[in-house]
Amino acid sequence: MQRDSDKDSYAAMLAAVQAFHTKHDFKSTGGEELIYRVALMAEELGEVSACVSKGKPRDELAEEVADLMILLMGTAIAAKFDLNSAFWQKMNKLMLREARMVNGRIRVSEFRTK
C-alpha cells in the first residue's frame, strides 16, 4: 500500500496500476488487449456522462473519472508507451494553440482554414 506522501506521484499511481495488472494476470488473460481496453474506456466514459447528465453526487463522478484514469494508465502499460511523457508532449502543443468561441463555448483545437 502507498504511503500518503507517495499518493501525488505519477510513478506511484502507475506502479499501483501495474500491480493490479500483475495481480490479475491481464497480460495472459486478454486484459491488455487494446480493442478490449478501448471498449472498457468507452463504457467508463458513458458512466462519467451518466453522472454528469443525471446530476449524480460529485463523489460518484470522481469515482468514475478515477476508473477512466486507471484504464488510461493501464492502456499505456499494455501498449508499452510512456503516458507521462506523452501527456507533457501533448500539453506543450496544446499550450501553443489559439482558442476560439464555437457555439458559445471555448474551443482550443487545431483549426483548419478552408
PDB file of N, CA and C in Angstrom:
ATOM      1  N   MET A   1       0.848  -1.185   0.000  1.00  0.00           N
ATOM      2  CA  MET A   1       0.000   0.000   0.000  1.00  0.00           C
ATOM      3  C   MET A   1       0.888   1.241   0.000  1.00  0.00           C
ATOM      4  N   GLN A   2       0.434   2.279  -0.674  1.00  0.00           N
ATOM      5  CA  GLN A   2       1.214   3.503  -0.802  1.00  0.00           C
ATOM      6  C   GLN A   2       1.126   4.342   0.465  1.00  0.00           C
ATOM      7  N   ARG A   3       2.232   5.003   0.783  1.00  0.00           N
ATOM      8  CA  ARG A   3       2.214   5.989   1.862  1.00  0.00           C
ATOM      9  C   ARG A   3       1.495   7.222   1.359  1.00  0.00           C
ATOM     10  N   ASP A   4       0.897   7.992   2.279  1.00  0.00           N
ATOM     11  CA  ASP A   4       0.192   9.206   1.890  1.00  0.00           C
ATOM     12  C   ASP A   4       1.101  10.158   1.120  1.00  0.00           C
ATOM     13  N   SER A   5       2.388  10.200   1.470  1.00  0.00           N
ATOM     14  CA  SER A   5       3.306  11.122   0.799  1.00  0.00           C
ATOM     15  C   SER A   5       3.550  10.718  -0.653  1.00  0.00           C
ATOM     16  N   ASP A   6       3.285   9.453  -1.013  1.00  0.00           N
ATOM     17  CA  ASP A   6       3.507   8.976  -2.375  1.00  0.00           C
ATOM     18  C   ASP A   6       2.276   9.118  -3.266  1.00  0.00           C
ATOM     19  N   LYS A   7       1.134   9.431  -2.705  1.00  0.00           N
ATOM     20  CA  LYS A   7      -0.104   9.395  -3.471  1.00  0.00           C
ATOM     21  C   LYS A   7      -0.179  10.445  -4.573  1.00  0.00           C
ATOM     22  N   ASP A   8       0.624  11.494  -4.509  1.00  0.00           N
ATOM     23  CA  ASP A   8       0.611  12.508  -5.554  1.00  0.00           C
ATOM     24  C   ASP A   8       1.625  12.211  -6.654  1.00  0.00           C
ATOM     25  N   SER A   9       2.291  11.101  -6.570  1.00  0.00           N
ATOM     26  CA  SER A   9       3.319  10.749  -7.535  1.00  0.00           C
ATOM     27  C   SER A   9       2.726   9.952  -8.696  1.00  0.00           C
ATOM     28  N   TYR A  10       2.978  10.413  -9.924  1.00  0.00           N
ATOM     29  CA  TYR A  10       2.540   9.655 -11.103  1.00  0.00           C
ATOM     30  C   TYR A  10       3.162   8.263 -11.074  1.00  0.00           C
ATOM     31  N   ALA A  11       4.436   8.195 -10.706  1.00  0.00           N
ATOM     32  CA  ALA A  11       5.124   6.899 -10.664  1.00  0.00           C
ATOM     33  C   ALA A  11       4.431   5.938  -9.695  1.00  0.00           C
ATOM     34  N   ALA A  12       3.971   6.439  -8.563  1.00  0.00           N
ATOM     35  CA  ALA A  12       3.276   5.590  -7.592  1.00  0.00           C
ATOM     36  C   ALA A  12       1.932   5.120  -8.144  1.00  0.00           C
ATOM     37  N   MET A  13       1.219   6.002  -8.825  1.00  0.00           N
ATOM     38  CA  MET A  13      -0.061   5.606  -9.420  1.00  0.00           C
ATOM     39  C   MET A  13       0.161   4.555 -10.506  1.00  0.00           C
ATOM     40  N   LEU A  14       1.161   4.769 -11.346  1.00  0.00           N
ATOM     41  CA  LEU A  14       1.463   3.814 -12.405  1.00  0.00           C
ATOM     42  C   LEU A  14       1.862   2.462 -11.818  1.00  0.00           C
ATOM     43  N   ALA A  15       2.643   2.480 -10.763  1.00  0.00           N
ATOM     44  CA  ALA A  15       3.047   1.226 -10.105  1.00  0.00           C
ATOM     45  C   ALA A  15       1.832   0.496  -9.534  1.00  0.00           C
ATOM     46  N   ALA A  16       0.877   1.238  -8.994  1.00  0.00           N
ATOM     47  CA  ALA A  16      -0.342   0.619  -8.455  1.00  0.00           C
ATOM     48  C   ALA A  16      -1.155  -0.027  -9.573  1.00  0.00           C
ATOM     49  N   VAL A  17      -1.258   0.657 -10.718  1.00  0.00           N
ATOM     50  CA  VAL A  17      -1.989   0.079 -11.856  1.00  0.00           C
ATOM     51  C   VAL A  17      -1.251  -1.149 -12.369  1.00  0.00           C
ATOM     52  N   GLN A  18       0.077  -1.077 -12.445  1.00  0.00           N
ATOM     53  CA  GLN A  18       0.861  -2.239 -12.875  1.00  0.00           C
ATOM     54  C   GLN A  18       0.659  -3.410 -11.915  1.00  0.00           C
ATOM     55  N   ALA A  19       0.636  -3.142 -10.621  1.00  0.00           N
ATOM     56  CA  ALA A  19       0.405  -4.198  -9.630  1.00  0.00           C
ATOM     57  C   ALA A  19      -0.974  -4.835  -9.814  1.00  0.00           C
ATOM     58  N   PHE A  20      -1.968  -4.026 -10.155  1.00  0.00           N
ATOM     59  CA  PHE A  20      -3.318  -4.535 -10.426  1.00  0.00           C
ATOM     60  C   PHE A  20      -3.298  -5.450 -11.650  1.00  0.00           C
ATOM     61  N   HIS A  21      -2.604  -5.023 -12.713  1.00  0.00           N
ATOM     62  CA  HIS A  21      -2.478  -5.859 -13.914  1.00  0.00           C
ATOM     63  C   HIS A  21      -1.784  -7.174 -13.589  1.00  0.00           C
ATOM     64  N   THR A  22      -0.727  -7.092 -12.816  1.00  0.00           N
ATOM     65  CA  THR A  22       0.034  -8.285 -12.452  1.00  0.00           C
ATOM     66  C   THR A  22      -0.795  -9.220 -11.582  1.00  0.00           C
ATOM     67  N   LYS A  23      -1.473  -8.668 -10.598  1.00  0.00           N
ATOM     68  CA  LYS A  23      -2.307  -9.469  -9.684  1.00  0.00           C
ATOM     69  C   LYS A  23      -3.328 -10.294 -10.452  1.00  0.00           C
ATOM     70  N   HIS A  24      -3.932  -9.690 -11.477  1.00  0.00           N
ATOM     71  CA  HIS A  24      -4.982 -10.383 -12.221  1.00  0.00           C
ATOM     72  C   HIS A  24      -4.489 -10.973 -13.541  1.00  0.00           C
ATOM     73  N   ASP A  25      -3.163 -10.974 -13.735  1.00  0.00           N
ATOM     74  CA  ASP A  25      -2.529 -11.568 -14.912  1.00  0.00           C
ATOM     75  C   ASP A  25      -3.172 -11.094 -16.214  1.00  0.00           C
ATOM     76  N   PHE A  26      -3.376  -9.775 -16.316  1.00  0.00           N
ATOM     77  CA  PHE A  26      -4.011  -9.212 -17.504  1.00  0.00           C
ATOM     78  C   PHE A  26      -3.264  -9.560 -18.789  1.00  0.00           C
ATOM     79  N   LYS A  27      -1.932  -9.618 -18.710  1.00  0.00           N
ATOM     80  CA  LYS A  27      -1.123  -9.844 -19.908  1.00  0.00           C
ATOM     81  C   LYS A  27      -1.494 -11.151 -20.601  1.00  0.00           C
ATOM     82  N   SER A  28      -1.755 -12.211 -19.849  1.00  0.00           N
ATOM     83  CA  SER A  28      -2.032 -13.505 -20.482  1.00  0.00           C
ATOM     84  C   SER A  28      -3.506 -13.906 -20.438  1.00  0.00           C
ATOM     85  N   THR A  29      -4.375 -13.007 -19.973  1.00  0.00           N
ATOM     86  CA  THR A  29      -5.804 -13.348 -19.916  1.00  0.00           C
ATOM     87  C   THR A  29      -6.668 -12.393 -20.749  1.00  0.00           C
ATOM     88  N   GLY A  30      -6.046 -11.633 -21.649  1.00  0.00           N
ATOM     89  CA  GLY A  30      -6.786 -10.743 -22.534  1.00  0.00           C
ATOM     90  C   GLY A  30      -7.049  -9.360 -21.979  1.00  0.00           C
ATOM     91  N   GLY A  31      -6.659  -9.112 -20.747  1.00  0.00           N
ATOM     92  CA  GLY A  31      -6.928  -7.816 -20.130  1.00  0.00           C
ATOM     93  C   GLY A  31      -6.106  -6.672 -20.688  1.00  0.00           C
ATOM     94  N   GLU A  32      -5.063  -6.987 -21.454  1.00  0.00           N
ATOM     95  CA  GLU A  32      -4.249  -5.933 -22.052  1.00  0.00           C
ATOM     96  C   GLU A  32      -4.476  -5.817 -23.558  1.00  0.00           C
ATOM     97  N   GLU A  33      -5.475  -6.535 -24.080  1.00  0.00           N
ATOM     98  CA  GLU A  33      -5.817  -6.419 -25.500  1.00  0.00           C
ATOM     99  C   GLU A  33      -6.379  -5.012 -25.745  1.00  0.00           C
ATOM    100  N   LEU A  34      -5.811  -4.315 -26.702  1.00  0.00           N
ATOM    101  CA  LEU A  34      -6.141  -2.894 -26.873  1.00  0.00           C
ATOM    102  C   LEU A  34      -7.584  -2.651 -27.301  1.00  0.00           C
ATOM    103  N   ILE A  35      -8.135  -3.476 -28.182  1.00  0.00           N
ATOM    104  CA  ILE A  35      -9.528  -3.276 -28.592  1.00  0.00           C
ATOM    105  C   ILE A  35     -10.455  -3.463 -27.393  1.00  0.00           C
ATOM    106  N   TYR A  36     -10.176  -4.448 -26.569  1.00  0.00           N
ATOM    107  CA  TYR A  36     -10.950  -4.679 -25.348  1.00  0.00           C
ATOM    108  C   TYR A  36     -10.851  -3.470 -24.421  1.00  0.00           C
ATOM    109  N   ARG A  37      -9.654  -2.915 -24.292  1.00  0.00           N
ATOM    110  CA  ARG A  37      -9.448  -1.770 -23.407  1.00  0.00           C
ATOM    111  C   ARG A  37     -10.190  -0.540 -23.918  1.00  0.00           C
ATOM    112  N   VAL A  38     -10.227  -0.350 -25.228  1.00  0.00           N
ATOM    113  CA  VAL A  38     -10.979   0.776 -25.794  1.00  0.00           C
ATOM    114  C   VAL A  38     -12.462   0.630 -25.448  1.00  0.00           C
ATOM    115  N   ALA A  39     -12.981  -0.587 -25.554  1.00  0.00           N
ATOM    116  CA  ALA A  39     -14.388  -0.827 -25.196  1.00  0.00           C
ATOM    117  C   ALA A  39     -14.627  -0.511 -23.722  1.00  0.00           C
ATOM    118  N   LEU A  40     -13.703  -0.902 -22.852  1.00  0.00           N
ATOM    119  CA  LEU A  40     -13.839  -0.602 -21.428  1.00  0.00           C
ATOM    120  C   LEU A  40     -13.804   0.904 -21.176  1.00  0.00           C
ATOM    121  N   MET A  41     -12.918   1.613 -21.895  1.00  0.00           N
ATOM    122  CA  MET A  41     -12.838   3.065 -21.716  1.00  0.00           C
ATOM    123  C   MET A  41     -14.123   3.736 -22.188  1.00  0.00           C
ATOM    124  N   ALA A  42     -14.695   3.251 -23.294  1.00  0.00           N
ATOM    125  CA  ALA A  42     -15.961   3.806 -23.778  1.00  0.00           C
ATOM    126  C   ALA A  42     -17.061   3.572 -22.744  1.00  0.00           C
ATOM    127  N   GLU A  43     -17.067   2.397 -22.145  1.00  0.00           N
ATOM    128  CA  GLU A  43     -18.055   2.088 -21.104  1.00  0.00           C
ATOM    129  C   GLU A  43     -17.897   3.030 -19.911  1.00  0.00           C
ATOM    130  N   GLU A  44     -16.670   3.231 -19.472  1.00  0.00           N
ATOM    131  CA  GLU A  44     -16.421   4.126 -18.341  1.00  0.00           C
ATOM    132  C   GLU A  44     -16.766   5.576 -18.682  1.00  0.00           C
ATOM    133  N   LEU A  45     -16.469   6.002 -19.912  1.00  0.00           N
ATOM    134  CA  LEU A  45     -16.828   7.357 -20.318  1.00  0.00           C
ATOM    135  C   LEU A  45     -18.345   7.522 -20.295  1.00  0.00           C
ATOM    136  N   GLY A  46     -19.068   6.474 -20.675  1.00  0.00           N
ATOM    137  CA  GLY A  46     -20.524   6.505 -20.578  1.00  0.00           C
ATOM    138  C   GLY A  46     -20.990   6.669 -19.145  1.00  0.00           C
ATOM    139  N   GLU A  47     -20.290   6.037 -18.214  1.00  0.00           N
ATOM    140  CA  GLU A  47     -20.643   6.174 -16.797  1.00  0.00           C
ATOM    141  C   GLU A  47     -20.329   7.583 -16.288  1.00  0.00           C
ATOM    142  N   VAL A  48     -19.249   8.177 -16.774  1.00  0.00           N
ATOM    143  CA  VAL A  48     -18.940   9.572 -16.437  1.00  0.00           C
ATOM    144  C   VAL A  48     -20.054  10.466 -16.963  1.00  0.00           C
ATOM    145  N   SER A  49     -20.435  10.243 -18.217  1.00  0.00           N
ATOM    146  CA  SER A  49     -21.507  11.026 -18.834  1.00  0.00           C
ATOM    147  C   SER A  49     -22.812  10.897 -18.053  1.00  0.00           C
ATOM    148  N   ALA A  50     -23.137   9.692 -17.622  1.00  0.00           N
ATOM    149  CA  ALA A  50     -24.371   9.479 -16.850  1.00  0.00           C
ATOM    150  C   ALA A  50     -24.328  10.242 -15.532  1.00  0.00           C
ATOM    151  N   CYS A  51     -23.173  10.278 -14.891  1.00  0.00           N
ATOM    152  CA  CYS A  51     -23.048  11.032 -13.641  1.00  0.00           C
ATOM    153  C   CYS A  51     -23.354  12.507 -13.870  1.00  0.00           C
ATOM    154  N   VAL A  52     -22.809  13.061 -14.942  1.00  0.00           N
ATOM    155  CA  VAL A  52     -22.995  14.482 -15.224  1.00  0.00           C
ATOM    156  C   VAL A  52     -24.430  14.758 -15.663  1.00  0.00           C
ATOM    157  N   SER A  53     -24.916  13.969 -16.612  1.00  0.00           N
ATOM    158  CA  SER A  53     -26.245  14.252 -17.176  1.00  0.00           C
ATOM    159  C   SER A  53     -27.375  13.979 -16.193  1.00  0.00           C
ATOM    160  N   LYS A  54     -27.133  13.099 -15.236  1.00  0.00           N
ATOM    161  CA  LYS A  54     -28.170  12.775 -14.254  1.00  0.00           C
ATOM    162  C   LYS A  54     -27.972  13.504 -12.929  1.00  0.00           C
ATOM    163  N   GLY A  55     -26.973  14.367 -12.881  1.00  0.00           N
ATOM    164  CA  GLY A  55     -26.747  15.162 -11.676  1.00  0.00           C
ATOM    165  C   GLY A  55     -26.379  14.343 -10.457  1.00  0.00           C
ATOM    166  N   LYS A  56     -25.631  13.257 -10.667  1.00  0.00           N
ATOM    167  CA  LYS A  56     -25.231  12.414  -9.535  1.00  0.00           C
ATOM    168  C   LYS A  56     -24.224  13.148  -8.657  1.00  0.00           C
ATOM    169  N   PRO A  57     -24.060  12.696  -7.423  1.00  0.00           N
ATOM    170  CA  PRO A  57     -23.131  13.370  -6.499  1.00  0.00           C
ATOM    171  C   PRO A  57     -21.690  13.390  -7.020  1.00  0.00           C
ATOM    172  N   ARG A  58     -20.967  14.412  -6.617  1.00  0.00           N
ATOM    173  CA  ARG A  58     -19.587  14.604  -7.052  1.00  0.00           C
ATOM    174  C   ARG A  58     -18.697  13.403  -6.722  1.00  0.00           C
ATOM    175  N   ASP A  59     -18.928  12.729  -5.593  1.00  0.00           N
ATOM    176  CA  ASP A  59     -18.084  11.581  -5.256  1.00  0.00           C
ATOM    177  C   ASP A  59     -18.284  10.435  -6.249  1.00  0.00           C
ATOM    178  N   GLU A  60     -19.492  10.276  -6.791  1.00  0.00           N
ATOM    179  CA  GLU A  60     -19.722   9.245  -7.814  1.00  0.00           C
ATOM    180  C   GLU A  60     -19.013   9.617  -9.114  1.00  0.00           C
ATOM    181  N   LEU A  61     -19.078  10.903  -9.467  1.00  0.00           N
ATOM    182  CA  LEU A  61     -18.359  11.374 -10.647  1.00  0.00           C
ATOM    183  C   LEU A  61     -16.854  11.146 -10.476  1.00  0.00           C
ATOM    184  N   ALA A  62     -16.335  11.475  -9.318  1.00  0.00           N
ATOM    185  CA  ALA A  62     -14.904  11.298  -9.051  1.00  0.00           C
ATOM    186  C   ALA A  62     -14.499   9.836  -9.189  1.00  0.00           C
ATOM    187  N   GLU A  63     -15.331   8.932  -8.700  1.00  0.00           N
ATOM    188  CA  GLU A  63     -15.018   7.500  -8.798  1.00  0.00           C
ATOM    189  C   GLU A  63     -14.990   7.039 -10.255  1.00  0.00           C
ATOM    190  N   GLU A  64     -15.945   7.511 -11.051  1.00  0.00           N
ATOM    191  CA  GLU A  64     -15.988   7.108 -12.462  1.00  0.00           C
ATOM    192  C   GLU A  64     -14.818   7.698 -13.242  1.00  0.00           C
ATOM    193  N   VAL A  65     -14.450   8.941 -12.948  1.00  0.00           N
ATOM    194  CA  VAL A  65     -13.294   9.545 -13.606  1.00  0.00           C
ATOM    195  C   VAL A  65     -12.021   8.794 -13.205  1.00  0.00           C
ATOM    196  N   ALA A  66     -11.927   8.391 -11.941  1.00  0.00           N
ATOM    197  CA  ALA A  66     -10.770   7.604 -11.490  1.00  0.00           C
ATOM    198  C   ALA A  66     -10.717   6.265 -12.233  1.00  0.00           C
ATOM    199  N   ASP A  67     -11.872   5.627 -12.425  1.00  0.00           N
ATOM    200  CA  ASP A  67     -11.902   4.381 -13.204  1.00  0.00           C
ATOM    201  C   ASP A  67     -11.330   4.608 -14.598  1.00  0.00           C
ATOM    202  N   LEU A  68     -11.738   5.699 -15.224  1.00  0.00           N
ATOM    203  CA  LEU A  68     -11.262   6.014 -16.569  1.00  0.00           C
ATOM    204  C   LEU A  68      -9.760   6.282 -16.561  1.00  0.00           C
ATOM    205  N   MET A  69      -9.296   7.001 -15.555  1.00  0.00           N
ATOM    206  CA  MET A  69      -7.858   7.284 -15.458  1.00  0.00           C
ATOM    207  C   MET A  69      -7.052   5.992 -15.283  1.00  0.00           C
ATOM    208  N   ILE A  70      -7.547   5.089 -14.463  1.00  0.00           N
ATOM    209  CA  ILE A  70      -6.872   3.805 -14.252  1.00  0.00           C
ATOM    210  C   ILE A  70      -6.818   3.022 -15.561  1.00  0.00           C
ATOM    211  N   LEU A  71      -7.912   3.038 -16.310  1.00  0.00           N
ATOM    212  CA  LEU A  71      -7.924   2.360 -17.612  1.00  0.00           C
ATOM    213  C   LEU A  71      -6.950   3.013 -18.588  1.00  0.00           C
ATOM    214  N   LEU A  72      -6.883   4.342 -18.587  1.00  0.00           N
ATOM    215  CA  LEU A  72      -5.939   5.044 -19.463  1.00  0.00           C
ATOM    216  C   LEU A  72      -4.494   4.672 -19.117  1.00  0.00           C
ATOM    217  N   MET A  73      -4.193   4.668 -17.842  1.00  0.00           N
ATOM    218  CA  MET A  73      -2.837   4.319 -17.419  1.00  0.00           C
ATOM    219  C   MET A  73      -2.539   2.861 -17.759  1.00  0.00           C
ATOM    220  N   GLY A  74      -3.520   1.991 -17.573  1.00  0.00           N
ATOM    221  CA  GLY A  74      -3.345   0.583 -17.919  1.00  0.00           C
ATOM    222  C   GLY A  74      -3.167   0.374 -19.410  1.00  0.00           C
ATOM    223  N   THR A  75      -3.802   1.214 -20.209  1.00  0.00           N
ATOM    224  CA  THR A  75      -3.641   1.122 -21.654  1.00  0.00           C
ATOM    225  C   THR A  75      -2.219   1.512 -22.052  1.00  0.00           C
ATOM    226  N   ALA A  76      -1.663   2.492 -21.383  1.00  0.00           N
ATOM    227  CA  ALA A  76      -0.265   2.846 -21.637  1.00  0.00           C
ATOM    228  C   ALA A  76       0.659   1.689 -21.277  1.00  0.00           C
ATOM    229  N   ILE A  77       0.346   0.996 -20.203  1.00  0.00           N
ATOM    230  CA  ILE A  77       1.131  -0.186 -19.821  1.00  0.00           C
ATOM    231  C   ILE A  77       1.004  -1.250 -20.899  1.00  0.00           C
ATOM    232  N   ALA A  78      -0.240  -1.531 -21.306  1.00  0.00           N
ATOM    233  CA  ALA A  78      -0.496  -2.585 -22.289  1.00  0.00           C
ATOM    234  C   ALA A  78       0.154  -2.269 -23.639  1.00  0.00           C
ATOM    235  N   ALA A  79       0.107  -0.993 -24.046  1.00  0.00           N
ATOM    236  CA  ALA A  79       0.655  -0.593 -25.345  1.00  0.00           C
ATOM    237  C   ALA A  79       2.135  -0.229 -25.269  1.00  0.00           C
ATOM    238  N   LYS A  80       2.676  -0.283 -24.078  1.00  0.00           N
ATOM    239  CA  LYS A  80       4.106  -0.040 -23.847  1.00  0.00           C
ATOM    240  C   LYS A  80       4.561   1.348 -24.314  1.00  0.00           C
ATOM    241  N   PHE A  81       3.851   2.376 -23.832  1.00  0.00           N
ATOM    242  CA  PHE A  81       4.333   3.734 -24.069  1.00  0.00           C
ATOM    243  C   PHE A  81       4.307   4.506 -22.756  1.00  0.00           C
ATOM    244  N   ASP A  82       5.096   5.562 -22.723  1.00  0.00           N
ATOM    245  CA  ASP A  82       5.245   6.389 -21.528  1.00  0.00           C
ATOM    246  C   ASP A  82       4.161   7.459 -21.530  1.00  0.00           C
ATOM    247  N   LEU A  83       3.087   7.229 -20.785  1.00  0.00           N
ATOM    248  CA  LEU A  83       1.968   8.159 -20.742  1.00  0.00           C
ATOM    249  C   LEU A  83       2.380   9.501 -20.146  1.00  0.00           C
ATOM    250  N   ASN A  84       3.253   9.492 -19.167  1.00  0.00           N
ATOM    251  CA  ASN A  84       3.729  10.739 -18.568  1.00  0.00           C
ATOM    252  C   ASN A  84       4.393  11.611 -19.632  1.00  0.00           C
ATOM    253  N   SER A  85       5.275  11.028 -20.407  1.00  0.00           N
ATOM    254  CA  SER A  85       5.947  11.760 -21.473  1.00  0.00           C
ATOM    255  C   SER A  85       4.952  12.210 -22.547  1.00  0.00           C
ATOM    256  N   ALA A  86       4.046  11.330 -22.934  1.00  0.00           N
ATOM    257  CA  ALA A  86       3.036  11.667 -23.942  1.00  0.00           C
ATOM    258  C   ALA A  86       2.150  12.813 -23.453  1.00  0.00           C
ATOM    259  N   PHE A  87       1.798  12.782 -22.176  1.00  0.00           N
ATOM    260  CA  PHE A  87       0.993  13.855 -21.597  1.00  0.00           C
ATOM    261  C   PHE A  87       1.689  15.200 -21.759  1.00  0.00           C
ATOM    262  N   TRP A  88       2.962  15.261 -21.349  1.00  0.00           N
ATOM    263  CA  TRP A  88       3.667  16.546 -21.383  1.00  0.00           C
ATOM    264  C   TRP A  88       3.932  17.007 -22.802  1.00  0.00           C
ATOM    265  N   GLN A  89       4.200  16.087 -23.719  1.00  0.00           N
ATOM    266  CA  GLN A  89       4.365  16.482 -25.122  1.00  0.00           C
ATOM    267  C   GLN A  89       3.073  17.095 -25.663  1.00  0.00           C
ATOM    268  N   LYS A  90       1.950  16.455 -25.374  1.00  0.00           N
ATOM    269  CA  LYS A  90       0.660  16.966 -25.844  1.00  0.00           C
ATOM    270  C   LYS A  90       0.296  18.274 -25.145  1.00  0.00           C
ATOM    271  N   MET A  91       0.539  18.347 -23.841  1.00  0.00           N
ATOM    272  CA  MET A  91       0.216  19.570 -23.103  1.00  0.00           C
ATOM    273  C   MET A  91       0.990  20.752 -23.667  1.00  0.00           C
ATOM    274  N   ASN A  92       2.255  20.540 -23.998  1.00  0.00           N
ATOM    275  CA  ASN A  92       3.068  21.610 -24.576  1.00  0.00           C
ATOM    276  C   ASN A  92       2.489  22.066 -25.907  1.00  0.00           C
ATOM    277  N   LYS A  93       2.014  21.139 -26.733  1.00  0.00           N
ATOM    278  CA  LYS A  93       1.372  21.504 -28.007  1.00  0.00           C
ATOM    279  C   LYS A  93       0.087  22.296 -27.753  1.00  0.00           C
ATOM    280  N   LEU A  94      -0.714  21.818 -26.811  1.00  0.00           N
ATOM    281  CA  LEU A  94      -1.980  22.492 -26.513  1.00  0.00           C
ATOM    282  C   LEU A  94      -1.765  23.923 -26.037  1.00  0.00           C
ATOM    283  N   MET A  95      -0.732  24.133 -25.253  1.00  0.00           N
ATOM    284  CA  MET A  95      -0.467  25.473 -24.722  1.00  0.00           C
ATOM    285  C   MET A  95      -0.112  26.474 -25.826  1.00  0.00           C
ATOM    286  N   LEU A  96       0.323  25.986 -26.970  1.00  0.00           N
ATOM    287  CA  LEU A  96       0.678  26.862 -28.089  1.00  0.00           C
ATOM    288  C   LEU A  96      -0.524  27.191 -28.977  1.00  0.00           C
ATOM    289  N   ARG A  97      -1.624  26.505 -28.795  1.00  0.00           N
ATOM    290  CA  ARG A  97      -2.800  26.698 -29.647  1.00  0.00           C
ATOM    291  C   ARG A  97      -3.602  27.920 -29.245  1.00  0.00           C
ATOM    292  N   GLU A  98      -4.263  28.482 -30.236  1.00  0.00           N
ATOM    293  CA  GLU A  98      -5.184  29.583 -30.009  1.00  0.00           C
ATOM    294  C   GLU A  98      -6.556  29.014 -29.637  1.00  0.00           C
ATOM    295  N   ALA A  99      -7.337  29.823 -28.949  1.00  0.00           N
ATOM    296  CA  ALA A  99      -8.693  29.427 -28.582  1.00  0.00           C
ATOM    297  C   ALA A  99      -9.687  30.230 -29.399  1.00  0.00           C
ATOM    298  N   ARG A 100     -10.840  29.615 -29.642  1.00  0.00           N
ATOM    299  CA  ARG A 100     -11.945  30.301 -30.325  1.00  0.00           C
ATOM    300  C   ARG A 100     -13.238  29.973 -29.606  1.00  0.00           C
ATOM    301  N   MET A 101     -14.176  30.875 -29.765  1.00  0.00           N
ATOM    302  CA  MET A 101     -15.525  30.592 -29.269  1.00  0.00           C
ATOM    303  C   MET A 101     -16.275  29.893 -30.405  1.00  0.00           C
ATOM    304  N   VAL A 102     -16.818  28.720 -30.118  1.00  0.00           N
ATOM    305  CA  VAL A 102     -17.587  27.955 -31.090  1.00  0.00           C
ATOM    306  C   VAL A 102     -18.921  27.623 -30.446  1.00  0.00           C
ATOM    307  N   ASN A 103     -19.977  28.133 -31.040  1.00  0.00           N
ATOM    308  CA  ASN A 103     -21.326  27.914 -30.496  1.00  0.00           C
ATOM    309  C   ASN A 103     -21.422  28.323 -29.024  1.00  0.00           C
ATOM    310  N   GLY A 104     -20.773  29.438 -28.688  1.00  0.00           N
ATOM    311  CA  GLY A 104     -20.868  29.978 -27.344  1.00  0.00           C
ATOM    312  C   GLY A 104     -19.992  29.310 -26.301  1.00  0.00           C
ATOM    313  N   ARG A 105     -19.106  28.423 -26.746  1.00  0.00           N
ATOM    314  CA  ARG A 105     -18.206  27.744 -25.804  1.00  0.00           C
ATOM    315  C   ARG A 105     -16.774  27.827 -26.307  1.00  0.00           C
ATOM    316  N   ILE A 106     -15.843  27.868 -25.368  1.00  0.00           N
ATOM    317  CA  ILE A 106     -14.424  27.957 -25.718  1.00  0.00           C
ATOM    318  C   ILE A 106     -13.974  26.650 -26.349  1.00  0.00           C
ATOM    319  N   ARG A 107     -13.163  26.756 -27.384  1.00  0.00           N
ATOM    320  CA  ARG A 107     -12.627  25.572 -28.055  1.00  0.00           C
ATOM    321  C   ARG A 107     -11.167  25.835 -28.346  1.00  0.00           C
ATOM    322  N   VAL A 108     -10.313  24.917 -27.945  1.00  0.00           N
ATOM    323  CA  VAL A 108      -8.879  25.001 -28.240  1.00  0.00           C
ATOM    324  C   VAL A 108      -8.571  23.796 -29.118  1.00  0.00           C
ATOM    325  N   SER A 109      -8.268  24.080 -30.371  1.00  0.00           N
ATOM    326  CA  SER A 109      -8.095  22.995 -31.336  1.00  0.00           C
ATOM    327  C   SER A 109      -7.126  23.433 -32.408  1.00  0.00           C
ATOM    328  N   GLU A 110      -6.774  22.519 -33.270  1.00  0.00           N
ATOM    329  CA  GLU A 110      -6.016  22.873 -34.468  1.00  0.00           C
ATOM    330  C   GLU A 110      -7.061  23.242 -35.515  1.00  0.00           C
ATOM    331  N   PHE A 111      -7.396  24.505 -35.564  1.00  0.00           N
ATOM    332  CA  PHE A 111      -8.416  24.955 -36.505  1.00  0.00           C
ATOM    333  C   PHE A 111      -7.837  24.957 -37.906  1.00  0.00           C
ATOM    334  N   ARG A 112      -8.569  24.360 -38.807  1.00  0.00           N
ATOM    335  CA  ARG A 112      -8.122  24.310 -40.205  1.00  0.00           C
ATOM    336  C   ARG A 112      -8.842  25.400 -40.987  1.00  0.00           C
ATOM    337  N   THR A 113      -8.095  26.072 -41.838  1.00  0.00           N
ATOM    338  CA  THR A 113      -8.712  27.067 -42.686  1.00  0.00           C
ATOM    339  C   THR A 113      -9.156  26.387 -43.972  1.00  0.00           C
ATOM    340  N   LYS A 114     -10.290  26.829 -44.467  1.00  0.00           N
ATOM    341  CA  LYS A 114     -10.863  26.199 -45.676  1.00  0.00           C
ATOM    342  C   LYS A 114     -10.283  26.802 -46.912  1.00  0.00           C
TER     343      LYS A 114
END
